[in-house]
C-alpha atoms as a PDB file:
ATOM      1  CA  MET A   1      46.115 -21.179 -14.119  1.00  0.00           C
ATOM      2  CA  ASN A   2      42.393 -20.332 -14.054  1.00  0.00           C
ATOM      3  CA  ALA A   3      40.690 -20.513 -10.705  1.00  0.00           C
ATOM      4  CA  SER A   4      37.403 -22.381 -10.786  1.00  0.00           C
ATOM      5  CA  PRO A   5      34.417 -20.090 -10.259  1.00  0.00           C
ATOM      6  CA  GLN A   6      33.007 -20.179  -6.766  1.00  0.00           C
ATOM      7  CA  ARG A   7      29.521 -21.676  -6.519  1.00  0.00           C
ATOM      8  CA  PRO A   8      27.028 -18.905  -5.737  1.00  0.00           C
ATOM      9  CA  ARG A   9      25.468 -19.003  -2.299  1.00  0.00           C
ATOM     10  CA  VAL A  10      22.240 -17.382  -3.501  1.00  0.00           C
ATOM     11  CA  ASP A  11      20.226 -19.152  -6.189  1.00  0.00           C
ATOM     12  CA  LEU A  12      17.268 -17.100  -7.404  1.00  0.00           C
ATOM     13  CA  THR A  13      16.329 -19.772  -9.961  1.00  0.00           C
ATOM     14  CA  LYS A  14      14.809 -21.785  -7.103  1.00  0.00           C
ATOM     15  CA  GLY A  15      12.990 -18.872  -5.498  1.00  0.00           C
ATOM     16  CA  THR A  16       9.860 -18.778  -7.612  1.00  0.00           C
ATOM     17  CA  THR A  17       6.494 -18.397  -5.924  1.00  0.00           C
ATOM     18  CA  HIS A  18       3.949 -21.033  -6.870  1.00  0.00           C
ATOM     19  CA  TRP A  19       0.466 -19.614  -7.440  1.00  0.00           C
ATOM     20  CA  PRO A  20      -2.640 -21.743  -8.105  1.00  0.00           C
ATOM     21  CA  ALA A  21      -3.713 -21.664 -11.778  1.00  0.00           C
ATOM     22  CA  GLY A  22      -6.895 -19.697 -10.990  1.00  0.00           C
ATOM     23  CA  VAL A  23      -4.929 -16.975  -9.185  1.00  0.00           C
ATOM     24  CA  LYS A  24      -2.401 -16.797 -12.043  1.00  0.00           C
ATOM     25  CA  PHE A  25      -5.225 -16.349 -14.545  1.00  0.00           C
ATOM     26  CA  LYS A  26      -6.955 -13.680 -12.440  1.00  0.00           C
ATOM     27  CA  ARG A  27      -3.676 -11.812 -11.941  1.00  0.00           C
ATOM     28  CA  ALA A  28      -2.912 -11.964 -15.672  1.00  0.00           C
ATOM     29  CA  VAL A  29      -6.346 -10.574 -16.594  1.00  0.00           C
ATOM     30  CA  TRP A  30      -5.925  -7.781 -14.051  1.00  0.00           C
ATOM     31  CA  GLN A  31      -2.312  -6.975 -14.948  1.00  0.00           C
ATOM     32  CA  TRP A  32      -2.493  -7.067 -18.726  1.00  0.00           C
ATOM     33  CA  LEU A  33      -6.102  -6.276 -19.656  1.00  0.00           C
ATOM     34  CA  VAL A  34      -7.808  -4.291 -16.919  1.00  0.00           C
ATOM     35  CA  LYS A  35      -5.161  -2.394 -14.939  1.00  0.00           C
ATOM     36  CA  PRO A  36      -3.836  -0.352 -17.900  1.00  0.00           C
ATOM     37  CA  ILE A  37      -7.359   0.994 -18.502  1.00  0.00           C
ATOM     38  CA  PHE A  38      -8.025   1.435 -14.758  1.00  0.00           C
ATOM     39  CA  LYS A  39      -4.895   3.546 -14.297  1.00  0.00           C
ATOM     40  CA  LEU A  40      -5.633   5.842 -17.250  1.00  0.00           C
ATOM     41  CA  LEU A  41      -9.249   6.676 -16.418  1.00  0.00           C
ATOM     42  CA  PRO A  42      -9.536  10.460 -15.881  1.00  0.00           C
ATOM     43  CA  ARG A  43     -10.365  11.989 -12.509  1.00  0.00           C
ATOM     44  CA  PRO A  44     -14.162  12.218 -13.073  1.00  0.00           C
ATOM     45  CA  CYS A  45     -14.257   8.402 -13.426  1.00  0.00           C
ATOM     46  CA  ASN A  46     -13.759   7.747  -9.695  1.00  0.00           C
ATOM     47  CA  ARG A  47     -16.903   5.606  -9.417  1.00  0.00           C
ATOM     48  CA  LEU A  48     -15.824   3.495 -12.362  1.00  0.00           C
ATOM     49  CA  ARG A  49     -12.345   2.968 -10.855  1.00  0.00           C
ATOM     50  CA  ILE A  50     -13.938   1.811  -7.598  1.00  0.00           C
ATOM     51  CA  ALA A  51     -16.387  -0.458  -9.442  1.00  0.00           C
ATOM     52  CA  ILE A  52     -13.487  -2.080 -11.316  1.00  0.00           C
ATOM     53  CA  LEU A  53     -11.567  -2.696  -8.092  1.00  0.00           C
ATOM     54  CA  ARG A  54     -14.674  -4.177  -6.459  1.00  0.00           C
ATOM     55  CA  ALA A  55     -15.251  -6.427  -9.478  1.00  0.00           C
ATOM     56  CA  PHE A  56     -11.760  -7.840  -8.857  1.00  0.00           C
ATOM     57  CA  GLY A  57     -12.430  -8.477  -5.170  1.00  0.00           C
ATOM     58  CA  ALA A  58     -11.361  -5.269  -3.414  1.00  0.00           C
ATOM     59  CA  GLN A  59     -13.524  -4.260  -0.475  1.00  0.00           C
ATOM     60  CA  ILE A  60     -14.062  -0.513  -0.652  1.00  0.00           C
ATOM     61  CA  GLY A  61     -16.461   1.415   1.554  1.00  0.00           C
ATOM     62  CA  PRO A  62     -18.768   4.236   0.478  1.00  0.00           C
ATOM     63  CA  ARG A  63     -17.727   7.772  -0.445  1.00  0.00           C
ATOM     64  CA  CYS A  64     -14.086   6.978  -1.259  1.00  0.00           C
ATOM     65  CA  LEU A  65     -11.874   8.760  -3.761  1.00  0.00           C
ATOM     66  CA  ILE A  66      -9.246   6.903  -5.757  1.00  0.00           C
ATOM     67  CA  GLU A  67      -7.305   9.252  -8.007  1.00  0.00           C
ATOM     68  CA  PRO A  68      -5.978   8.394 -11.491  1.00  0.00           C
ATOM     69  CA  ARG A  69      -2.802   6.336 -11.930  1.00  0.00           C
ATOM     70  CA  VAL A  70      -3.120   4.510  -8.593  1.00  0.00           C
ATOM     71  CA  ASP A  71      -1.334   1.175  -9.018  1.00  0.00           C
ATOM     72  CA  VAL A  72      -2.870  -1.797  -7.182  1.00  0.00           C
ATOM     73  CA  LEU A  73      -0.981  -5.080  -7.534  1.00  0.00           C
ATOM     74  CA  ILE A  74      -3.667  -7.483  -6.242  1.00  0.00           C
ATOM     75  CA  PRO A  75      -7.139  -5.925  -5.852  1.00  0.00           C
ATOM     76  CA  TRP A  76      -8.557  -8.781  -3.747  1.00  0.00           C
ATOM     77  CA  ASN A  77      -5.934  -7.992  -1.065  1.00  0.00           C
ATOM     78  CA  LEU A  78      -7.174  -4.398  -0.663  1.00  0.00           C
ATOM     79  CA  PHE A  79      -9.584  -3.429   2.142  1.00  0.00           C
ATOM     80  CA  VAL A  80     -10.606   0.230   2.314  1.00  0.00           C
ATOM     81  CA  ASP A  81     -13.139   1.651   4.782  1.00  0.00           C
ATOM     82  CA  GLU A  82     -15.460   4.604   4.117  1.00  0.00           C
ATOM     83  CA  PHE A  83     -14.419   8.186   3.270  1.00  0.00           C
ATOM     84  CA  VAL A  84     -10.858   7.258   2.279  1.00  0.00           C
ATOM     85  CA  ALA A  85      -8.913   9.265  -0.307  1.00  0.00           C
ATOM     86  CA  ILE A  86      -5.976   7.752  -2.206  1.00  0.00           C
ATOM     87  CA  GLY A  87      -3.926  10.252  -4.198  1.00  0.00           C
ATOM     88  CA  ARG A  88      -2.405  10.131  -7.669  1.00  0.00           C
ATOM     89  CA  GLU A  89       0.282   7.580  -8.414  1.00  0.00           C
ATOM     90  CA  VAL A  90       0.064   5.839  -5.050  1.00  0.00           C
ATOM     91  CA  GLU A  91       1.459   2.325  -5.417  1.00  0.00           C
ATOM     92  CA  ILE A  92      -0.191  -0.453  -3.410  1.00  0.00           C
ATOM     93  CA  TYR A  93       2.162  -3.425  -3.698  1.00  0.00           C
ATOM     94  CA  ASN A  94      -0.083  -5.806  -1.806  1.00  0.00           C
ATOM     95  CA  TYR A  95       1.063  -9.409  -1.865  1.00  0.00           C
ATOM     96  CA  GLY A  96      -0.207  -9.299   1.711  1.00  0.00           C
ATOM     97  CA  ALA A  97      -3.424  -7.567   2.735  1.00  0.00           C
ATOM     98  CA  VAL A  98      -3.483  -3.770   2.904  1.00  0.00           C
ATOM     99  CA  ARG A  99      -6.181  -2.348   5.193  1.00  0.00           C
ATOM    100  CA  ILE A 100      -6.965   1.371   5.317  1.00  0.00           C
ATOM    101  CA  GLY A 101      -9.304   2.737   8.013  1.00  0.00           C
ATOM    102  CA  ARG A 102     -12.078   5.290   7.586  1.00  0.00           C
ATOM    103  CA  MET A 103     -11.428   9.012   7.054  1.00  0.00           C
ATOM    104  CA  THR A 104      -7.806   8.378   6.043  1.00  0.00           C
ATOM    105  CA  LEU A 105      -5.870  10.226   3.359  1.00  0.00           C
ATOM    106  CA  ILE A 106      -2.982   8.616   1.447  1.00  0.00           C
ATOM    107  CA  SER A 107      -1.219  11.377  -0.496  1.00  0.00           C
ATOM    108  CA  GLN A 108       0.342  11.187  -3.962  1.00  0.00           C
ATOM    109  CA  TYR A 109       3.364   9.007  -4.747  1.00  0.00           C
ATOM    110  CA  SER A 110       3.153   7.002  -1.515  1.00  0.00           C
ATOM    111  CA  PHE A 111       4.200   3.353  -1.662  1.00  0.00           C
ATOM    112  CA  LEU A 112       2.481   0.731   0.513  1.00  0.00           C
ATOM    113  CA  CYS A 113       4.680  -2.364   0.238  1.00  0.00           C
ATOM    114  CA  SER A 114       3.444  -5.557   1.923  1.00  0.00           C
ATOM    115  CA  GLY A 115       5.828  -7.863   0.032  1.00  0.00           C
ATOM    116  CA  SER A 116       9.522  -8.514   0.497  1.00  0.00           C
ATOM    117  CA  HIS A 117      12.030 -11.368   0.286  1.00  0.00           C
ATOM    118  CA  ASP A 118      13.625 -13.538   2.946  1.00  0.00           C
ATOM    119  CA  TYR A 119      17.222 -12.509   2.325  1.00  0.00           C
ATOM    120  CA  THR A 120      18.478 -15.050   4.896  1.00  0.00           C
ATOM    121  CA  HIS A 121      17.256 -17.925   2.694  1.00  0.00           C
ATOM    122  CA  PRO A 122      19.469 -18.826  -0.297  1.00  0.00           C
ATOM    123  CA  HIS A 123      16.452 -18.815  -2.655  1.00  0.00           C
ATOM    124  CA  MET A 124      15.104 -15.474  -1.346  1.00  0.00           C
ATOM    125  CA  PRO A 125      11.435 -16.536  -1.335  1.00  0.00           C
ATOM    126  CA  LEU A 126       8.647 -13.983  -1.373  1.00  0.00           C
ATOM    127  CA  VAL A 127       7.385 -12.981   2.067  1.00  0.00           C
ATOM    128  CA  ALA A 128       4.069 -11.164   2.512  1.00  0.00           C
ATOM    129  CA  LYS A 129       3.077  -9.321   5.689  1.00  0.00           C
ATOM    130  CA  PRO A 130      -0.077  -7.220   6.008  1.00  0.00           C
ATOM    131  CA  ILE A 131      -0.139  -3.446   6.349  1.00  0.00           C
ATOM    132  CA  VAL A 132      -2.759  -1.784   8.543  1.00  0.00           C
ATOM    133  CA  ILE A 133      -3.331   1.964   8.366  1.00  0.00           C
ATOM    134  CA  GLY A 134      -5.759   3.145  11.019  1.00  0.00           C
ATOM    135  CA  SER A 135      -8.698   5.517  10.810  1.00  0.00           C
ATOM    136  CA  GLU A 136      -8.307   9.304  10.572  1.00  0.00           C
ATOM    137  CA  CYS A 137      -4.669   9.091   9.430  1.00  0.00           C
ATOM    138  CA  TRP A 138      -2.783  11.171   6.908  1.00  0.00           C
ATOM    139  CA  LEU A 139       0.186   9.825   4.989  1.00  0.00           C
ATOM    140  CA  ALA A 140       1.736  12.858   3.306  1.00  0.00           C
ATOM    141  CA  ALA A 141       3.378  12.776  -0.135  1.00  0.00           C
ATOM    142  CA  ASP A 142       5.838  10.031  -1.067  1.00  0.00           C
ATOM    143  CA  VAL A 143       5.646   8.013   2.171  1.00  0.00           C
ATOM    144  CA  PHE A 144       7.003   4.445   2.118  1.00  0.00           C
ATOM    145  CA  VAL A 145       5.262   1.905   4.377  1.00  0.00           C
ATOM    146  CA  GLY A 146       6.966  -1.466   4.693  1.00  0.00           C
ATOM    147  CA  PRO A 147       5.661  -5.000   5.232  1.00  0.00           C
ATOM    148  CA  GLY A 148       4.000  -5.814   8.539  1.00  0.00           C
ATOM    149  CA  VAL A 149       3.600  -2.182   9.624  1.00  0.00           C
ATOM    150  CA  THR A 150       0.598  -0.902  11.580  1.00  0.00           C
ATOM    151  CA  ILE A 151      -0.025   2.836  11.707  1.00  0.00           C
ATOM    152  CA  GLY A 152      -2.239   3.743  14.649  1.00  0.00           C
ATOM    153  CA  ASP A 153      -5.498   5.673  14.378  1.00  0.00           C
ATOM    154  CA  GLY A 154      -5.096   9.410  13.889  1.00  0.00           C
ATOM    155  CA  ALA A 155      -1.380   9.286  13.077  1.00  0.00           C
ATOM    156  CA  VAL A 156       0.172  11.762  10.645  1.00  0.00           C
ATOM    157  CA  ILE A 157       3.187  10.528   8.678  1.00  0.00           C
ATOM    158  CA  GLY A 158       5.310  13.339   7.235  1.00  0.00           C
ATOM    159  CA  ALA A 159       6.298  13.616   3.584  1.00  0.00           C
ATOM    160  CA  ARG A 160       8.914  11.144   2.331  1.00  0.00           C
ATOM    161  CA  ALA A 161       9.011   9.243   5.611  1.00  0.00           C
ATOM    162  CA  VAL A 162      10.192   5.622   5.560  1.00  0.00           C
ATOM    163  CA  VAL A 163       7.979   3.619   7.918  1.00  0.00           C
ATOM    164  CA  THR A 164       9.443   0.220   8.761  1.00  0.00           C
ATOM    165  CA  LYS A 165       8.051  -0.102  12.313  1.00  0.00           C
ATOM    166  CA  ASN A 166       4.622   0.427  13.858  1.00  0.00           C
ATOM    167  CA  MET A 167       3.661   4.037  14.549  1.00  0.00           C
ATOM    168  CA  PRO A 168       1.535   4.970  17.569  1.00  0.00           C
ATOM    169  CA  PRO A 169      -1.940   6.518  17.379  1.00  0.00           C
ATOM    170  CA  TRP A 170      -2.488  10.259  17.345  1.00  0.00           C
ATOM    171  CA  MET A 171       1.142  11.158  16.851  1.00  0.00           C
ATOM    172  CA  VAL A 172       2.893  13.222  14.173  1.00  0.00           C
ATOM    173  CA  CYS A 173       5.703  11.038  12.823  1.00  0.00           C
ATOM    174  CA  ALA A 174       8.390  11.718  10.223  1.00  0.00           C
ATOM    175  CA  GLY A 175      11.884  10.887   9.033  1.00  0.00           C
ATOM    176  CA  ASN A 176      13.999   8.074   7.670  1.00  0.00           C
ATOM    177  CA  PRO A 177      13.558   5.952   9.658  1.00  0.00           C
ATOM    178  CA  CYS A 178      10.174   7.319  10.676  1.00  0.00           C
ATOM    179  CA  GLN A 179       9.829   8.250  14.343  1.00  0.00           C
ATOM    180  CA  PRO A 180       7.060   9.737  16.496  1.00  0.00           C
ATOM    181  CA  LEU A 181       7.763  13.460  17.016  1.00  0.00           C
ATOM    182  CA  LYS A 182       4.835  14.988  18.890  1.00  0.00           C
ATOM    183  CA  PRO A 183       1.147  14.401  19.673  1.00  0.00           C
ATOM    184  CA  ARG A 184      -1.373  15.289  16.978  1.00  0.00           C
ATOM    185  CA  GLU A 185      -3.715  17.794  18.555  1.00  0.00           C
ATOM    186  CA  LEU A 186      -6.877  18.844  16.739  1.00  0.00           C
ATOM    187  CA  ARG A 187      -7.991  22.421  17.317  1.00  0.00           C
ATOM    188  CA  ASP A 188     -11.608  23.417  17.821  1.00  0.00           C
ATOM    189  CA  VAL A 189     -13.361  24.953  14.846  1.00  0.00           C
ATOM    190  CA  PRO A 190     -16.346  27.314  15.075  1.00  0.00           C
ATOM    191  CA  ASP A 191     -19.778  25.784  14.465  1.00  0.00           C
ATOM    192  CA  SER A 192     -20.126  28.006  11.380  1.00  0.00           C
ATOM    193  CA  VAL A 193     -17.191  26.124   9.755  1.00  0.00           C
ATOM    194  CA  LYS A 194     -18.432  22.669  10.711  1.00  0.00           C
END
């Protein structure tokens, strides 16, 4: 005797996100026409990469560097202050806003993820929570930053850290899960080096 299949408790067919037609069109143009070119522009084309992001609604301050193969999901949800550097192959998965403060460095292969799913709901709808990375921070290579996280000014996040909770300002933090380890102390440099 065959047992009848149990009805699934999770139904992803009902979990679609409904976007206004204008947003769908803008996302399609970005995703399929512009982003492939944007990602392949060589390193000397930094100004062109920034101009393209601005044309799609990103707010990017002066004197920034955005390396080749950076992947931005939704440009109009990206807010970058002045003198920010974003390394090669950084992924900015920004269903929610991603804000990066001045004089901050995001190293290669990092993943800023402001979107997730409500796994307690049977349709697992999309949930977006903003990410805020303060001024004068450094996210070393391959750091993951999750939805809703704020990284305080001056924080250093060690390579391959997984940041799922807020990190305090002016601390060196690392690990999986990421934790504050020690204060970040800047040493004095001679005037000749300044």
